[in-house]
């Protein structure tokens, strides 16, 4: 798979003024179109690795992205911990400041999906508002510590597989580090994320990103021995869950999320954790149909 094309500049960008740490944000699409807030994965990553593919949704929506606390252009030297609670508070303030009075639909990818669910449960408990009008979860992070343990074991096994070991050995023997260090770094990145894909070679289509390890560790530690599923039955929103059949995150987790929310679960075959690369057309057709019910198309689903 070819490398992703360049990311176009946003229509507008800036930093929040209502959050305790200024957070970088940017907008794509036409002003006045239905607003879709897109939450990136991580924790500790940044929004632009969702691009340019997620811009397929900008033809019918105004897209709002932001770099979550501790990652990308929202990194901080503050030694204080970054927790799931601080991320939820940031999300509420981003909506209040940047949604201009609207209640946006939210699309959450990976950890961003779990962040959306944490925010939703806080809305259901009356501690945050407003709840999203629609919620699209794309390969959400595991909904419990037990499912996260299963994911960690599966991802470690994939990284230790003969195929990935051969990729690492070929890179080290290639001499690319000395000849073209930028190309070497790109290839090393592709190998580091190969386990997320149904076909490791498809990692070349993912925009490279970095994760702030300290932030990632602090957020997961703040969740403790978590299980969101029992709390989701009290949440009210229209939702859809999309999951790649070969995602190292257990399908059981996404199925449980969908059942608890009364949402539809769509399973994409021949697809790992990054459907916007491996099944781009199918994913954005599904999301477009969900976000704009007037153009709905039927897709295979799991009850």
C-alpha atoms as a PDB file:
ATOM      1  CA  UNK A   1       0.000   0.000   0.000  1.00  0.00           C
ATOM      2  CA  UNK A   2       1.302   3.451  -0.942  1.00  0.00           C
ATOM      3  CA  UNK A   3       2.135   6.080   1.655  1.00  0.00           C
ATOM      4  CA  UNK A   4      -0.737   8.444   2.532  1.00  0.00           C
ATOM      5  CA  UNK A   5      -0.903  11.678   0.534  1.00  0.00           C
ATOM      6  CA  UNK A   6       0.021  14.973   2.206  1.00  0.00           C
ATOM      7  CA  UNK A   7      -2.381  16.378   4.771  1.00  0.00           C
ATOM      8  CA  UNK A   8      -4.032  19.597   3.564  1.00  0.00           C
ATOM      9  CA  UNK A   9      -3.973  22.611   5.870  1.00  0.00           C
ATOM     10  CA  UNK A  10      -7.058  23.147   8.026  1.00  0.00           C
ATOM     11  CA  UNK A  11      -9.603  25.865   7.317  1.00  0.00           C
ATOM     12  CA  UNK A  12      -9.066  27.246  10.820  1.00  0.00           C
ATOM     13  CA  UNK A  13      -6.953  26.372  13.847  1.00  0.00           C
ATOM     14  CA  UNK A  14      -5.928  27.684  17.228  1.00  0.00           C
ATOM     15  CA  UNK A  15      -5.687  26.873  20.926  1.00  0.00           C
ATOM     16  CA  UNK A  16      -8.440  26.617  23.497  1.00  0.00           C
ATOM     17  CA  UNK A  17      -8.731  29.297  26.166  1.00  0.00           C
ATOM     18  CA  UNK A  18     -11.196  27.562  28.527  1.00  0.00           C
ATOM     19  CA  UNK A  19      -9.130  24.461  29.346  1.00  0.00           C
ATOM     20  CA  UNK A  20      -6.500  24.531  32.094  1.00  0.00           C
ATOM     21  CA  UNK A  21      -3.898  23.697  29.415  1.00  0.00           C
ATOM     22  CA  UNK A  22      -4.279  25.291  25.971  1.00  0.00           C
ATOM     23  CA  UNK A  23      -5.229  22.513  23.554  1.00  0.00           C
ATOM     24  CA  UNK A  24      -4.553  22.707  19.832  1.00  0.00           C
ATOM     25  CA  UNK A  25      -7.650  22.432  17.611  1.00  0.00           C
ATOM     26  CA  UNK A  26      -8.384  22.618  13.888  1.00  0.00           C
ATOM     27  CA  UNK A  27     -11.394  22.589  11.577  1.00  0.00           C
ATOM     28  CA  UNK A  28     -11.978  21.164   8.120  1.00  0.00           C
ATOM     29  CA  UNK A  29     -15.043  21.320   5.894  1.00  0.00           C
ATOM     30  CA  UNK A  30     -17.681  23.959   5.266  1.00  0.00           C
ATOM     31  CA  UNK A  31     -18.803  26.314   8.048  1.00  0.00           C
ATOM     32  CA  UNK A  32     -22.436  25.747   8.860  1.00  0.00           C
ATOM     33  CA  UNK A  33     -22.411  22.057   7.876  1.00  0.00           C
ATOM     34  CA  UNK A  34     -23.366  19.579  10.623  1.00  0.00           C
ATOM     35  CA  UNK A  35     -20.560  19.509  13.172  1.00  0.00           C
ATOM     36  CA  UNK A  36     -18.667  16.275  13.839  1.00  0.00           C
ATOM     37  CA  UNK A  37     -16.115  16.230  16.659  1.00  0.00           C
ATOM     38  CA  UNK A  38     -13.465  13.575  15.966  1.00  0.00           C
ATOM     39  CA  UNK A  39     -11.506  12.112  18.893  1.00  0.00           C
ATOM     40  CA  UNK A  40      -8.140  10.538  18.121  1.00  0.00           C
ATOM     41  CA  UNK A  41      -6.599   7.511  19.792  1.00  0.00           C
ATOM     42  CA  UNK A  42      -3.754   7.201  22.246  1.00  0.00           C
ATOM     43  CA  UNK A  43      -3.840   8.308  24.977  1.00  0.00           C
ATOM     44  CA  UNK A  44      -0.921  10.657  24.459  1.00  0.00           C
ATOM     45  CA  UNK A  45      -1.137  10.752  20.641  1.00  0.00           C
ATOM     46  CA  UNK A  46      -2.378  13.520  18.310  1.00  0.00           C
ATOM     47  CA  UNK A  47      -5.109  14.064  15.753  1.00  0.00           C
ATOM     48  CA  UNK A  48      -3.216  14.154  12.480  1.00  0.00           C
ATOM     49  CA  UNK A  49      -2.600  10.421  12.142  1.00  0.00           C
ATOM     50  CA  UNK A  50      -6.322  10.167  11.343  1.00  0.00           C
ATOM     51  CA  UNK A  51      -5.626  12.303   8.281  1.00  0.00           C
ATOM     52  CA  UNK A  52      -6.014  12.625   5.397  1.00  0.00           C
ATOM     53  CA  UNK A  53      -8.464   9.697   5.323  1.00  0.00           C
ATOM     54  CA  UNK A  54     -10.989  11.060   7.846  1.00  0.00           C
ATOM     55  CA  UNK A  55     -11.359  14.122   5.635  1.00  0.00           C
ATOM     56  CA  UNK A  56     -13.618  11.936   3.481  1.00  0.00           C
ATOM     57  CA  UNK A  57     -16.313  12.993   5.972  1.00  0.00           C
ATOM     58  CA  UNK A  58     -15.652  16.698   5.352  1.00  0.00           C
ATOM     59  CA  UNK A  59     -17.764  16.710   2.192  1.00  0.00           C
ATOM     60  CA  UNK A  60     -20.943  16.676   4.317  1.00  0.00           C
ATOM     61  CA  UNK A  61     -19.709  17.822   7.743  1.00  0.00           C
ATOM     62  CA  UNK A  62     -17.610  20.408   9.435  1.00  0.00           C
ATOM     63  CA  UNK A  63     -14.924  18.374  11.215  1.00  0.00           C
ATOM     64  CA  UNK A  64     -13.421  19.515  14.495  1.00  0.00           C
ATOM     65  CA  UNK A  65     -10.240  17.837  15.738  1.00  0.00           C
ATOM     66  CA  UNK A  66      -8.098  18.615  18.763  1.00  0.00           C
ATOM     67  CA  UNK A  67      -4.869  17.237  20.197  1.00  0.00           C
ATOM     68  CA  UNK A  68      -5.763  15.782  23.570  1.00  0.00           C
ATOM     69  CA  UNK A  69      -3.905  16.835  26.692  1.00  0.00           C
ATOM     70  CA  UNK A  70      -0.301  15.665  26.748  1.00  0.00           C
ATOM     71  CA  UNK A  71       0.090  14.800  23.055  1.00  0.00           C
ATOM     72  CA  UNK A  72       0.956  16.519  19.793  1.00  0.00           C
ATOM     73  CA  UNK A  73       0.679  20.302  19.983  1.00  0.00           C
ATOM     74  CA  UNK A  74      -1.033  19.964  23.360  1.00  0.00           C
ATOM     75  CA  UNK A  75       2.018  18.527  25.125  1.00  0.00           C
ATOM     76  CA  UNK A  76       2.838  19.864  28.554  1.00  0.00           C
ATOM     77  CA  UNK A  77       5.816  19.954  30.906  1.00  0.00           C
ATOM     78  CA  UNK A  78       3.472  20.019  33.911  1.00  0.00           C
ATOM     79  CA  UNK A  79       4.584  17.104  36.114  1.00  0.00           C
ATOM     80  CA  UNK A  80       1.029  16.588  37.378  1.00  0.00           C
ATOM     81  CA  UNK A  81      -0.713  13.408  36.226  1.00  0.00           C
ATOM     82  CA  UNK A  82      -2.993  13.293  33.195  1.00  0.00           C
ATOM     83  CA  UNK A  83      -6.029  11.177  34.036  1.00  0.00           C
ATOM     84  CA  UNK A  84      -9.200  10.012  32.336  1.00  0.00           C
ATOM     85  CA  UNK A  85     -11.049  12.616  34.407  1.00  0.00           C
ATOM     86  CA  UNK A  86      -8.900  15.445  33.036  1.00  0.00           C
ATOM     87  CA  UNK A  87      -9.534  14.202  29.488  1.00  0.00           C
ATOM     88  CA  UNK A  88     -13.305  14.147  30.111  1.00  0.00           C
ATOM     89  CA  UNK A  89     -13.200  17.661  31.571  1.00  0.00           C
ATOM     90  CA  UNK A  90     -11.221  18.843  28.544  1.00  0.00           C
ATOM     91  CA  UNK A  91     -13.767  17.290  26.192  1.00  0.00           C
ATOM     92  CA  UNK A  92     -16.660  19.074  27.916  1.00  0.00           C
ATOM     93  CA  UNK A  93     -14.842  22.417  27.701  1.00  0.00           C
ATOM     94  CA  UNK A  94     -13.836  21.885  24.054  1.00  0.00           C
ATOM     95  CA  UNK A  95     -17.506  21.317  23.181  1.00  0.00           C
ATOM     96  CA  UNK A  96     -18.625  24.394  25.118  1.00  0.00           C
ATOM     97  CA  UNK A  97     -15.935  26.625  23.607  1.00  0.00           C
ATOM     98  CA  UNK A  98     -15.741  25.394  20.022  1.00  0.00           C
ATOM     99  CA  UNK A  99     -19.148  23.918  19.217  1.00  0.00           C
ATOM    100  CA  UNK A 100     -20.683  27.418  19.452  1.00  0.00           C
ATOM    101  CA  UNK A 101     -23.833  26.350  21.227  1.00  0.00           C
ATOM    102  CA  UNK A 102     -24.390  23.226  19.133  1.00  0.00           C
ATOM    103  CA  UNK A 103     -24.509  19.689  20.455  1.00  0.00           C
ATOM    104  CA  UNK A 104     -22.140  17.880  18.099  1.00  0.00           C
ATOM    105  CA  UNK A 105     -22.065  14.328  16.917  1.00  0.00           C
ATOM    106  CA  UNK A 106     -18.882  12.582  18.063  1.00  0.00           C
ATOM    107  CA  UNK A 107     -16.725  10.045  16.247  1.00  0.00           C
ATOM    108  CA  UNK A 108     -14.191   8.339  18.487  1.00  0.00           C
ATOM    109  CA  UNK A 109     -11.387   6.139  17.204  1.00  0.00           C
ATOM    110  CA  UNK A 110      -9.601   3.598  19.447  1.00  0.00           C
ATOM    111  CA  UNK A 111      -8.841   5.351  22.776  1.00  0.00           C
ATOM    112  CA  UNK A 112     -10.945   8.247  21.429  1.00  0.00           C
ATOM    113  CA  UNK A 113     -13.895   5.847  21.403  1.00  0.00           C
ATOM    114  CA  UNK A 114     -13.283   4.971  25.048  1.00  0.00           C
ATOM    115  CA  UNK A 115     -12.947   8.672  25.900  1.00  0.00           C
ATOM    116  CA  UNK A 116     -16.315   9.293  24.238  1.00  0.00           C
ATOM    117  CA  UNK A 117     -17.826   6.488  26.341  1.00  0.00           C
ATOM    118  CA  UNK A 118     -16.313   7.858  29.552  1.00  0.00           C
ATOM    119  CA  UNK A 119     -17.771  11.264  28.712  1.00  0.00           C
ATOM    120  CA  UNK A 120     -21.132   9.662  27.909  1.00  0.00           C
ATOM    121  CA  UNK A 121     -21.265   7.874  31.270  1.00  0.00           C
ATOM    122  CA  UNK A 122     -20.446  11.137  33.041  1.00  0.00           C
ATOM    123  CA  UNK A 123     -23.269  12.826  31.106  1.00  0.00           C
ATOM    124  CA  UNK A 124     -25.645  10.029  32.126  1.00  0.00           C
ATOM    125  CA  UNK A 125     -24.649  10.585  35.769  1.00  0.00           C
ATOM    126  CA  UNK A 126     -25.402  14.308  35.454  1.00  0.00           C
ATOM    127  CA  UNK A 127     -21.787  15.386  35.948  1.00  0.00           C
ATOM    128  CA  UNK A 128     -21.072  16.551  32.375  1.00  0.00           C
ATOM    129  CA  UNK A 129     -23.076  17.956  29.472  1.00  0.00           C
ATOM    130  CA  UNK A 130     -24.185  17.990  26.744  1.00  0.00           C
ATOM    131  CA  UNK A 131     -24.418  14.362  25.686  1.00  0.00           C
ATOM    132  CA  UNK A 132     -23.610  13.812  21.987  1.00  0.00           C
ATOM    133  CA  UNK A 133     -26.528  13.658  19.551  1.00  0.00           C
ATOM    134  CA  UNK A 134     -24.905  10.724  17.745  1.00  0.00           C
ATOM    135  CA  UNK A 135     -21.919   8.608  18.652  1.00  0.00           C
ATOM    136  CA  UNK A 136     -19.803   6.687  16.132  1.00  0.00           C
ATOM    137  CA  UNK A 137     -17.224   4.371  17.716  1.00  0.00           C
ATOM    138  CA  UNK A 138     -14.517   3.092  15.373  1.00  0.00           C
ATOM    139  CA  UNK A 139     -12.579   0.138  16.815  1.00  0.00           C
ATOM    140  CA  UNK A 140     -12.952   1.496  20.358  1.00  0.00           C
ATOM    141  CA  UNK A 141     -10.317   0.645  22.946  1.00  0.00           C
ATOM    142  CA  UNK A 142     -11.222  -2.249  25.277  1.00  0.00           C
ATOM    143  CA  UNK A 143     -14.125  -1.455  27.584  1.00  0.00           C
ATOM    144  CA  UNK A 144     -12.651  -3.297  30.583  1.00  0.00           C
ATOM    145  CA  UNK A 145      -9.272  -4.123  32.087  1.00  0.00           C
ATOM    146  CA  UNK A 146      -9.836  -7.815  31.320  1.00  0.00           C
ATOM    147  CA  UNK A 147     -10.362  -7.105  27.623  1.00  0.00           C
ATOM    148  CA  UNK A 148      -7.364  -4.775  27.634  1.00  0.00           C
ATOM    149  CA  UNK A 149      -5.241  -7.626  29.012  1.00  0.00           C
ATOM    150  CA  UNK A 150      -6.424  -9.832  26.141  1.00  0.00           C
ATOM    151  CA  UNK A 151      -5.523  -7.101  23.659  1.00  0.00           C
ATOM    152  CA  UNK A 152      -2.055  -6.631  25.165  1.00  0.00           C
ATOM    153  CA  UNK A 153      -1.350 -10.360  24.953  1.00  0.00           C
ATOM    154  CA  UNK A 154      -2.558 -10.592  21.359  1.00  0.00           C
ATOM    155  CA  UNK A 155      -0.592  -7.534  20.229  1.00  0.00           C
ATOM    156  CA  UNK A 156       2.577  -8.823  21.917  1.00  0.00           C
ATOM    157  CA  UNK A 157       2.143 -12.158  20.141  1.00  0.00           C
ATOM    158  CA  UNK A 158       1.760 -10.431  16.780  1.00  0.00           C
ATOM    159  CA  UNK A 159       4.885  -8.334  17.382  1.00  0.00           C
ATOM    160  CA  UNK A 160       6.805 -11.508  18.215  1.00  0.00           C
ATOM    161  CA  UNK A 161       5.529 -13.393  15.157  1.00  0.00           C
ATOM    162  CA  UNK A 162       7.918 -14.800  12.565  1.00  0.00           C
ATOM    163  CA  UNK A 163       6.582 -12.400   9.932  1.00  0.00           C
ATOM    164  CA  UNK A 164       7.262  -9.268  11.994  1.00  0.00           C
ATOM    165  CA  UNK A 165      10.653 -10.578  13.147  1.00  0.00           C
ATOM    166  CA  UNK A 166      11.567 -11.103   9.499  1.00  0.00           C
ATOM    167  CA  UNK A 167      10.513  -7.527   8.687  1.00  0.00           C
ATOM    168  CA  UNK A 168      12.759  -6.179  11.441  1.00  0.00           C
ATOM    169  CA  UNK A 169      15.686  -8.306  10.336  1.00  0.00           C
ATOM    170  CA  UNK A 170      15.278  -7.231   6.702  1.00  0.00           C
ATOM    171  CA  UNK A 171      15.271  -3.576   7.729  1.00  0.00           C
ATOM    172  CA  UNK A 172      18.428  -3.910   9.825  1.00  0.00           C
ATOM    173  CA  UNK A 173      20.195  -5.742   6.992  1.00  0.00           C
ATOM    174  CA  UNK A 174      19.131  -3.206   4.368  1.00  0.00           C
ATOM    175  CA  UNK A 175      21.619  -0.481   5.227  1.00  0.00           C
ATOM    176  CA  UNK A 176      18.768   2.026   5.013  1.00  0.00           C
ATOM    177  CA  UNK A 177      19.700   3.598   8.349  1.00  0.00           C
ATOM    178  CA  UNK A 178      22.964   4.858   6.838  1.00  0.00           C
ATOM    179  CA  UNK A 179      21.683   5.589   3.316  1.00  0.00           C
ATOM    180  CA  UNK A 180      18.375   7.336   4.075  1.00  0.00           C
ATOM    181  CA  UNK A 181      17.618   7.872   7.733  1.00  0.00           C
ATOM    182  CA  UNK A 182      14.177   9.387   7.078  1.00  0.00           C
ATOM    183  CA  UNK A 183      13.164   6.329   5.058  1.00  0.00           C
ATOM    184  CA  UNK A 184      14.571   4.110   7.808  1.00  0.00           C
ATOM    185  CA  UNK A 185      12.454   5.865  10.443  1.00  0.00           C
ATOM    186  CA  UNK A 186       9.356   5.525   8.267  1.00  0.00           C
ATOM    187  CA  UNK A 187       9.944   1.805   7.789  1.00  0.00           C
ATOM    188  CA  UNK A 188      10.643   1.318  11.495  1.00  0.00           C
ATOM    189  CA  UNK A 189       7.346   3.046  12.289  1.00  0.00           C
ATOM    190  CA  UNK A 190       5.474   0.759   9.883  1.00  0.00           C
ATOM    191  CA  UNK A 191       6.951  -2.308  11.560  1.00  0.00           C
ATOM    192  CA  UNK A 192       6.075  -0.970  15.028  1.00  0.00           C
ATOM    193  CA  UNK A 193       2.365  -0.769  14.104  1.00  0.00           C
ATOM    194  CA  UNK A 194       2.201  -3.799  11.791  1.00  0.00           C
ATOM    195  CA  UNK A 195       0.429  -5.880  14.447  1.00  0.00           C
ATOM    196  CA  UNK A 196      -2.607  -3.619  14.264  1.00  0.00           C
ATOM    197  CA  UNK A 197      -3.288  -4.546  10.627  1.00  0.00           C
ATOM    198  CA  UNK A 198      -4.902  -7.532   8.964  1.00  0.00           C
ATOM    199  CA  UNK A 199      -2.113  -7.212   6.370  1.00  0.00           C
ATOM    200  CA  UNK A 200       1.121  -5.787   7.844  1.00  0.00           C
ATOM    201  CA  UNK A 201       2.071  -4.162   4.539  1.00  0.00           C
ATOM    202  CA  UNK A 202      -0.939  -1.857   4.859  1.00  0.00           C
ATOM    203  CA  UNK A 203       0.841  -0.017   7.672  1.00  0.00           C
ATOM    204  CA  UNK A 204       2.523   2.065   4.961  1.00  0.00           C
ATOM    205  CA  UNK A 205      -0.793   3.866   4.464  1.00  0.00           C
ATOM    206  CA  UNK A 206      -0.916   5.200   8.034  1.00  0.00           C
ATOM    207  CA  UNK A 207       0.354   8.715   8.751  1.00  0.00           C
ATOM    208  CA  UNK A 208       3.184   8.348  11.316  1.00  0.00           C
ATOM    209  CA  UNK A 209       2.562   9.497  14.874  1.00  0.00           C
ATOM    210  CA  UNK A 210       4.183   9.509  18.280  1.00  0.00           C
ATOM    211  CA  UNK A 211       2.736   8.685  21.682  1.00  0.00           C
ATOM    212  CA  UNK A 212       3.837  10.438  24.862  1.00  0.00           C
ATOM    213  CA  UNK A 213       4.490   7.361  26.972  1.00  0.00           C
ATOM    214  CA  UNK A 214       4.152   9.113  30.336  1.00  0.00           C
ATOM    215  CA  UNK A 215       0.664  10.334  29.455  1.00  0.00           C
ATOM    216  CA  UNK A 216      -0.423   6.977  28.106  1.00  0.00           C
ATOM    217  CA  UNK A 217       0.688   5.200  31.283  1.00  0.00           C
ATOM    218  CA  UNK A 218      -0.909   7.761  33.600  1.00  0.00           C
ATOM    219  CA  UNK A 219      -4.291   7.602  31.886  1.00  0.00           C
ATOM    220  CA  UNK A 220      -4.475   3.799  31.911  1.00  0.00           C
ATOM    221  CA  UNK A 221      -3.366   3.734  35.553  1.00  0.00           C
ATOM    222  CA  UNK A 222      -6.082   6.251  36.450  1.00  0.00           C
ATOM    223  CA  UNK A 223      -8.704   3.855  35.081  1.00  0.00           C
ATOM    224  CA  UNK A 224      -7.619   1.088  37.438  1.00  0.00           C
ATOM    225  CA  UNK A 225      -9.555  -2.164  37.211  1.00  0.00           C
ATOM    226  CA  UNK A 226     -12.212  -0.573  35.015  1.00  0.00           C
ATOM    227  CA  UNK A 227     -15.329  -1.964  33.342  1.00  0.00           C
ATOM    228  CA  UNK A 228     -17.517   0.556  31.522  1.00  0.00           C
ATOM    229  CA  UNK A 229     -20.154  -1.841  30.225  1.00  0.00           C
ATOM    230  CA  UNK A 230     -22.444  -1.840  33.309  1.00  0.00           C
ATOM    231  CA  UNK A 231     -22.564   1.978  33.216  1.00  0.00           C
ATOM    232  CA  UNK A 232     -23.420   2.242  29.517  1.00  0.00           C
ATOM    233  CA  UNK A 233     -26.963   0.930  29.889  1.00  0.00           C
ATOM    234  CA  UNK A 234     -27.873   4.220  31.620  1.00  0.00           C
ATOM    235  CA  UNK A 235     -26.585   6.313  28.699  1.00  0.00           C
ATOM    236  CA  UNK A 236     -28.965   7.586  26.032  1.00  0.00           C
ATOM    237  CA  UNK A 237     -27.647   8.359  22.561  1.00  0.00           C
ATOM    238  CA  UNK A 238     -27.918   7.001  19.041  1.00  0.00           C
ATOM    239  CA  UNK A 239     -24.742   5.034  18.396  1.00  0.00           C
ATOM    240  CA  UNK A 240     -22.940   2.722  16.016  1.00  0.00           C
ATOM    241  CA  UNK A 241     -19.867   0.571  16.664  1.00  0.00           C
ATOM    242  CA  UNK A 242     -17.533  -0.465  13.826  1.00  0.00           C
ATOM    243  CA  UNK A 243     -14.891  -3.142  14.445  1.00  0.00           C
ATOM    244  CA  UNK A 244     -12.291  -4.756  12.195  1.00  0.00           C
ATOM    245  CA  UNK A 245     -12.572  -8.545  12.198  1.00  0.00           C
ATOM    246  CA  UNK A 246      -8.777  -8.897  12.600  1.00  0.00           C
ATOM    247  CA  UNK A 247      -8.381  -6.148  15.206  1.00  0.00           C
ATOM    248  CA  UNK A 248      -6.167  -7.328  18.105  1.00  0.00           C
ATOM    249  CA  UNK A 249      -8.742  -5.694  20.391  1.00  0.00           C
ATOM    250  CA  UNK A 250     -11.301  -8.415  21.195  1.00  0.00           C
ATOM    251  CA  UNK A 251     -14.517  -8.237  19.197  1.00  0.00           C
ATOM    252  CA  UNK A 252     -16.258  -9.259  22.432  1.00  0.00           C
ATOM    253  CA  UNK A 253     -15.520  -5.793  23.830  1.00  0.00           C
ATOM    254  CA  UNK A 254     -17.129  -3.919  20.938  1.00  0.00           C
ATOM    255  CA  UNK A 255     -20.071  -6.335  20.936  1.00  0.00           C
ATOM    256  CA  UNK A 256     -20.665  -5.697  24.644  1.00  0.00           C
ATOM    257  CA  UNK A 257     -20.476  -1.923  24.103  1.00  0.00           C
ATOM    258  CA  UNK A 258     -23.022  -2.149  21.292  1.00  0.00           C
ATOM    259  CA  UNK A 259     -25.407  -4.292  23.331  1.00  0.00           C
ATOM    260  CA  UNK A 260     -25.211  -1.972  26.344  1.00  0.00           C
ATOM    261  CA  UNK A 261     -25.923   1.097  24.202  1.00  0.00           C
ATOM    262  CA  UNK A 262     -28.595  -0.602  22.085  1.00  0.00           C
ATOM    263  CA  UNK A 263     -26.365   0.244  19.121  1.00  0.00           C
ATOM    264  CA  UNK A 264     -25.663  -1.472  15.831  1.00  0.00           C
ATOM    265  CA  UNK A 265     -22.359  -3.345  15.516  1.00  0.00           C
ATOM    266  CA  UNK A 266     -20.794  -3.548  12.070  1.00  0.00           C
ATOM    267  CA  UNK A 267     -17.857  -5.930  11.592  1.00  0.00           C
ATOM    268  CA  UNK A 268     -15.513  -5.199   8.695  1.00  0.00           C
ATOM    269  CA  UNK A 269     -13.891  -8.314   7.248  1.00  0.00           C
ATOM    270  CA  UNK A 270     -10.260  -8.364   6.099  1.00  0.00           C
ATOM    271  CA  UNK A 271      -9.567  -5.447   8.407  1.00  0.00           C
ATOM    272  CA  UNK A 272      -7.546  -4.845  11.543  1.00  0.00           C
ATOM    273  CA  UNK A 273      -7.545  -1.927  13.967  1.00  0.00           C
ATOM    274  CA  UNK A 274      -7.174   0.777  11.307  1.00  0.00           C
ATOM    275  CA  UNK A 275     -10.243   0.528   9.052  1.00  0.00           C
ATOM    276  CA  UNK A 276      -9.748   4.025   7.675  1.00  0.00           C
ATOM    277  CA  UNK A 277      -6.643   2.619   5.954  1.00  0.00           C
ATOM    278  CA  UNK A 278      -7.604  -1.009   5.260  1.00  0.00           C
ATOM    279  CA  UNK A 279     -11.308  -0.539   4.488  1.00  0.00           C
ATOM    280  CA  UNK A 280     -11.522   3.186   3.812  1.00  0.00           C
ATOM    281  CA  UNK A 281     -14.428   3.148   1.376  1.00  0.00           C
ATOM    282  CA  UNK A 282     -16.574   0.803   3.451  1.00  0.00           C
ATOM    283  CA  UNK A 283     -15.887   2.630   6.712  1.00  0.00           C
ATOM    284  CA  UNK A 284     -16.786   6.085   5.474  1.00  0.00           C
ATOM    285  CA  UNK A 285     -19.859   4.832   3.666  1.00  0.00           C
ATOM    286  CA  UNK A 286     -21.049   3.279   6.937  1.00  0.00           C
ATOM    287  CA  UNK A 287     -20.267   6.400   8.952  1.00  0.00           C
ATOM    288  CA  UNK A 288     -21.824   8.664   6.345  1.00  0.00           C
ATOM    289  CA  UNK A 289     -25.025   6.611   6.353  1.00  0.00           C
ATOM    290  CA  UNK A 290     -25.170   6.722  10.161  1.00  0.00           C
ATOM    291  CA  UNK A 291     -24.487  10.444  10.433  1.00  0.00           C
ATOM    292  CA  UNK A 292     -26.931  11.262   7.616  1.00  0.00           C
ATOM    293  CA  UNK A 293     -29.822   8.772   7.877  1.00  0.00           C
ATOM    294  CA  UNK A 294     -31.322  10.023   4.612  1.00  0.00           C
ATOM    295  CA  UNK A 295     -28.594   8.222   2.671  1.00  0.00           C
ATOM    296  CA  UNK A 296     -28.583   5.021   4.723  1.00  0.00           C
ATOM    297  CA  UNK A 297     -27.293   1.783   3.146  1.00  0.00           C
ATOM    298  CA  UNK A 298     -27.498  -1.709   4.651  1.00  0.00           C
ATOM    299  CA  UNK A 299     -24.280  -3.383   5.788  1.00  0.00           C
ATOM    300  CA  UNK A 300     -23.557  -6.734   7.454  1.00  0.00           C
ATOM    301  CA  UNK A 301     -23.854  -6.475  11.212  1.00  0.00           C
ATOM    302  CA  UNK A 302     -23.638  -8.551  14.348  1.00  0.00           C
ATOM    303  CA  UNK A 303     -26.626  -8.225  16.720  1.00  0.00           C
END
